Amino acid sequence: MAELALFVSAFLAATILPFSSEAAFVVALSNDMPPLTALIVASSGNILAIIVNYYLGYFLYEKTKDKLLASRVGKNSYKLGHKYGYFALLLSWLPLIGDPLTIVAGLVRLEFVWFVIIAGSLRIARYYFLTLMV
């Protein structure tokens, strides 16, 4: 049951909802959840949520592309997203700005595999370093 709670916490934390999974992660570890189990469960929930965010952005593009590409600012933003999108993903693990970046990644149609590799590995690394600190 603790694993499910941690998974849901990590999933919700990676959405645009104001939620923190780090506290749940630390509580799970302090309640004797094995570190590897906590790392796998929290990372899985977090990565699944950023995939949902990516596809939310991906499908938002279909609804907004005409309006987005009709304006000069929209065109420039789209070009910048393609040019610097993968570098911006390096910030995707940060609170507040990270989760919207995963939506933008889908909106500007970054390659899904690279998106998961970059953003997903940073999510795993965040929990790993948190494990070392606890």
C-alpha atoms as a PDB file:
ATOM      1  CA  MET A   1       0.000   0.000   0.000  1.00  0.00           C
ATOM      2  CA  ALA A   2       2.885   2.364   0.739  1.00  0.00           C
ATOM      3  CA  GLU A   3       4.247   1.721  -2.753  1.00  0.00           C
ATOM      4  CA  LEU A   4       0.935   2.741  -4.332  1.00  0.00           C
ATOM      5  CA  ALA A   5       0.814   5.920  -2.253  1.00  0.00           C
ATOM      6  CA  LEU A   6       4.367   6.806  -3.296  1.00  0.00           C
ATOM      7  CA  PHE A   7       3.598   6.076  -6.963  1.00  0.00           C
ATOM      8  CA  VAL A   8       0.481   8.285  -6.905  1.00  0.00           C
ATOM      9  CA  SER A   9       2.370  11.014  -5.067  1.00  0.00           C
ATOM     10  CA  ALA A  10       5.189  10.956  -7.628  1.00  0.00           C
ATOM     11  CA  PHE A  11       2.708  10.915 -10.499  1.00  0.00           C
ATOM     12  CA  LEU A  12       0.744  13.897  -9.184  1.00  0.00           C
ATOM     13  CA  ALA A  13       3.932  15.807  -8.440  1.00  0.00           C
ATOM     14  CA  ALA A  14       4.946  15.628 -12.110  1.00  0.00           C
ATOM     15  CA  THR A  15       1.688  17.151 -13.289  1.00  0.00           C
ATOM     16  CA  ILE A  16       0.917  20.846 -13.142  1.00  0.00           C
ATOM     17  CA  LEU A  17      -0.736  20.305  -9.766  1.00  0.00           C
ATOM     18  CA  PRO A  18       1.138  21.949  -6.887  1.00  0.00           C
ATOM     19  CA  PHE A  19       2.279  18.755  -5.217  1.00  0.00           C
ATOM     20  CA  SER A  20       5.624  17.514  -3.902  1.00  0.00           C
ATOM     21  CA  SER A  21       6.695  13.903  -4.029  1.00  0.00           C
ATOM     22  CA  GLU A  22       9.963  14.482  -2.204  1.00  0.00           C
ATOM     23  CA  ALA A  23       8.231  14.529   1.178  1.00  0.00           C
ATOM     24  CA  ALA A  24       6.415  11.279   0.391  1.00  0.00           C
ATOM     25  CA  PHE A  25       9.682   9.782  -0.829  1.00  0.00           C
ATOM     26  CA  VAL A  26      11.483  10.678   2.413  1.00  0.00           C
ATOM     27  CA  VAL A  27       8.575   9.346   4.493  1.00  0.00           C
ATOM     28  CA  ALA A  28       8.641   6.073   2.540  1.00  0.00           C
ATOM     29  CA  LEU A  29      12.365   5.708   3.194  1.00  0.00           C
ATOM     30  CA  SER A  30      11.994   6.573   6.863  1.00  0.00           C
ATOM     31  CA  ASN A  31       9.257   3.934   7.155  1.00  0.00           C
ATOM     32  CA  ASP A  32      11.767   1.277   6.063  1.00  0.00           C
ATOM     33  CA  MET A  33      10.825   1.011   2.411  1.00  0.00           C
ATOM     34  CA  PRO A  34      13.905  -0.392   0.666  1.00  0.00           C
ATOM     35  CA  PRO A  35      15.709   2.448  -1.149  1.00  0.00           C
ATOM     36  CA  LEU A  36      15.722   0.606  -4.486  1.00  0.00           C
ATOM     37  CA  THR A  37      11.970  -0.025  -4.233  1.00  0.00           C
ATOM     38  CA  ALA A  38      11.317   3.620  -3.386  1.00  0.00           C
ATOM     39  CA  LEU A  39      13.537   4.756  -6.245  1.00  0.00           C
ATOM     40  CA  ILE A  40      11.812   2.507  -8.786  1.00  0.00           C
ATOM     41  CA  VAL A  41       8.271   3.299  -7.615  1.00  0.00           C
ATOM     42  CA  ALA A  42       8.740   7.078  -7.393  1.00  0.00           C
ATOM     43  CA  SER A  43      10.657   7.278 -10.671  1.00  0.00           C
ATOM     44  CA  SER A  44       8.037   5.176 -12.462  1.00  0.00           C
ATOM     45  CA  GLY A  45       5.198   7.404 -11.286  1.00  0.00           C
ATOM     46  CA  ASN A  46       7.091  10.552 -12.157  1.00  0.00           C
ATOM     47  CA  ILE A  47       8.137   9.341 -15.609  1.00  0.00           C
ATOM     48  CA  LEU A  48       4.630   8.135 -16.434  1.00  0.00           C
ATOM     49  CA  ALA A  49       3.304  11.590 -15.570  1.00  0.00           C
ATOM     50  CA  ILE A  50       5.820  13.417 -17.750  1.00  0.00           C
ATOM     51  CA  ILE A  51       4.818  11.126 -20.622  1.00  0.00           C
ATOM     52  CA  VAL A  52       1.194  12.153 -20.027  1.00  0.00           C
ATOM     53  CA  ASN A  53       2.343  15.794 -19.999  1.00  0.00           C
ATOM     54  CA  TYR A  54       4.228  15.304 -23.259  1.00  0.00           C
ATOM     55  CA  TYR A  55       1.178  13.885 -25.007  1.00  0.00           C
ATOM     56  CA  LEU A  56      -1.020  16.605 -23.542  1.00  0.00           C
ATOM     57  CA  GLY A  57       1.279  19.143 -25.219  1.00  0.00           C
ATOM     58  CA  TYR A  58       1.431  17.034 -28.366  1.00  0.00           C
ATOM     59  CA  PHE A  59      -2.353  17.038 -28.725  1.00  0.00           C
ATOM     60  CA  LEU A  60      -2.612  20.702 -27.731  1.00  0.00           C
ATOM     61  CA  TYR A  61      -0.456  21.497 -30.751  1.00  0.00           C
ATOM     62  CA  GLU A  62      -3.120  20.037 -33.039  1.00  0.00           C
ATOM     63  CA  LYS A  63      -5.734  22.333 -31.475  1.00  0.00           C
ATOM     64  CA  THR A  64      -3.574  25.462 -31.442  1.00  0.00           C
ATOM     65  CA  LYS A  65      -1.142  25.169 -34.373  1.00  0.00           C
ATOM     66  CA  ASP A  66      -3.031  27.517 -36.708  1.00  0.00           C
ATOM     67  CA  LYS A  67      -3.184  30.235 -34.086  1.00  0.00           C
ATOM     68  CA  LEU A  68       0.369  29.558 -32.893  1.00  0.00           C
ATOM     69  CA  LEU A  69       1.965  29.684 -36.328  1.00  0.00           C
ATOM     70  CA  ALA A  70      -0.150  32.624 -37.523  1.00  0.00           C
ATOM     71  CA  SER A  71       1.649  35.124 -35.302  1.00  0.00           C
ATOM     72  CA  ARG A  72       5.266  36.193 -35.499  1.00  0.00           C
ATOM     73  CA  VAL A  73       5.761  35.616 -31.779  1.00  0.00           C
ATOM     74  CA  GLY A  74       4.226  32.159 -32.090  1.00  0.00           C
ATOM     75  CA  LYS A  75       6.488  31.223 -34.989  1.00  0.00           C
ATOM     76  CA  ASN A  76       9.559  32.489 -33.150  1.00  0.00           C
ATOM     77  CA  SER A  77       8.578  30.643 -29.981  1.00  0.00           C
ATOM     78  CA  TYR A  78       8.074  27.446 -31.931  1.00  0.00           C
ATOM     79  CA  LYS A  79      11.486  27.813 -33.610  1.00  0.00           C
ATOM     80  CA  LEU A  80      13.166  28.534 -30.272  1.00  0.00           C
ATOM     81  CA  GLY A  81      11.454  25.491 -28.785  1.00  0.00           C
ATOM     82  CA  HIS A  82      12.971  23.326 -31.482  1.00  0.00           C
ATOM     83  CA  LYS A  83      16.372  24.960 -31.253  1.00  0.00           C
ATOM     84  CA  TYR A  84      16.732  24.906 -27.459  1.00  0.00           C
ATOM     85  CA  GLY A  85      14.098  22.372 -26.412  1.00  0.00           C
ATOM     86  CA  TYR A  86      16.481  19.577 -25.509  1.00  0.00           C
ATOM     87  CA  PHE A  87      18.656  21.964 -23.519  1.00  0.00           C
ATOM     88  CA  ALA A  88      15.559  23.287 -21.740  1.00  0.00           C
ATOM     89  CA  LEU A  89      14.729  19.708 -20.744  1.00  0.00           C
ATOM     90  CA  LEU A  90      17.840  19.781 -18.568  1.00  0.00           C
ATOM     91  CA  LEU A  91      15.750  22.004 -16.265  1.00  0.00           C
ATOM     92  CA  SER A  92      12.740  19.694 -16.319  1.00  0.00           C
ATOM     93  CA  TRP A  93      13.550  18.167 -12.926  1.00  0.00           C
ATOM     94  CA  LEU A  94      13.156  21.530 -11.170  1.00  0.00           C
ATOM     95  CA  PRO A  95      10.020  22.369  -9.198  1.00  0.00           C
ATOM     96  CA  LEU A  96       7.535  24.818 -10.763  1.00  0.00           C
ATOM     97  CA  ILE A  97       9.181  25.177 -14.180  1.00  0.00           C
ATOM     98  CA  GLY A  98      10.002  21.544 -14.901  1.00  0.00           C
ATOM     99  CA  ASP A  99       6.521  20.161 -15.385  1.00  0.00           C
ATOM    100  CA  PRO A 100       5.369  22.873 -17.818  1.00  0.00           C
ATOM    101  CA  LEU A 101       8.560  22.225 -19.796  1.00  0.00           C
ATOM    102  CA  THR A 102       7.456  18.625 -20.314  1.00  0.00           C
ATOM    103  CA  ILE A 103       4.180  19.899 -21.795  1.00  0.00           C
ATOM    104  CA  VAL A 104       6.053  22.331 -24.050  1.00  0.00           C
ATOM    105  CA  ALA A 105       8.276  19.456 -25.221  1.00  0.00           C
ATOM    106  CA  GLY A 106       5.188  17.777 -26.637  1.00  0.00           C
ATOM    107  CA  LEU A 107       3.837  21.040 -27.998  1.00  0.00           C
ATOM    108  CA  VAL A 108       6.975  21.694 -30.039  1.00  0.00           C
ATOM    109  CA  ARG A 109       7.145  18.019 -30.983  1.00  0.00           C
ATOM    110  CA  LEU A 110      10.539  17.110 -29.591  1.00  0.00           C
ATOM    111  CA  GLU A 111      11.521  13.521 -30.375  1.00  0.00           C
ATOM    112  CA  PHE A 112       9.713  11.345 -27.842  1.00  0.00           C
ATOM    113  CA  VAL A 113      12.593   8.924 -27.268  1.00  0.00           C
ATOM    114  CA  TRP A 114      15.048  11.732 -26.528  1.00  0.00           C
ATOM    115  CA  PHE A 115      12.460  13.429 -24.349  1.00  0.00           C
ATOM    116  CA  VAL A 116      12.069  10.295 -22.202  1.00  0.00           C
ATOM    117  CA  ILE A 117      15.822   9.688 -22.052  1.00  0.00           C
ATOM    118  CA  ILE A 118      16.650  13.238 -20.968  1.00  0.00           C
ATOM    119  CA  ALA A 119      13.702  14.119 -18.735  1.00  0.00           C
ATOM    120  CA  GLY A 120      13.272  10.584 -17.381  1.00  0.00           C
ATOM    121  CA  SER A 121      16.903  10.128 -16.416  1.00  0.00           C
ATOM    122  CA  LEU A 122      16.868  13.469 -14.603  1.00  0.00           C
ATOM    123  CA  ARG A 123      13.804  12.355 -12.635  1.00  0.00           C
ATOM    124  CA  ILE A 124      15.592   9.157 -11.635  1.00  0.00           C
ATOM    125  CA  ALA A 125      18.730  11.113 -10.718  1.00  0.00           C
ATOM    126  CA  ARG A 126      16.724  13.474  -8.505  1.00  0.00           C
ATOM    127  CA  TYR A 127      15.324  10.591  -6.467  1.00  0.00           C
ATOM    128  CA  TYR A 128      18.706   8.870  -6.388  1.00  0.00           C
ATOM    129  CA  PHE A 129      20.398  11.941  -4.910  1.00  0.00           C
ATOM    130  CA  LEU A 130      17.546  12.336  -2.472  1.00  0.00           C
ATOM    131  CA  THR A 131      18.153   8.731  -1.387  1.00  0.00           C
ATOM    132  CA  LEU A 132      21.813   9.534  -0.760  1.00  0.00           C
ATOM    133  CA  MET A 133      20.865  12.568   1.325  1.00  0.00           C
ATOM    134  CA  VAL A 134      18.470  10.612   3.542  1.00  0.00           C
END
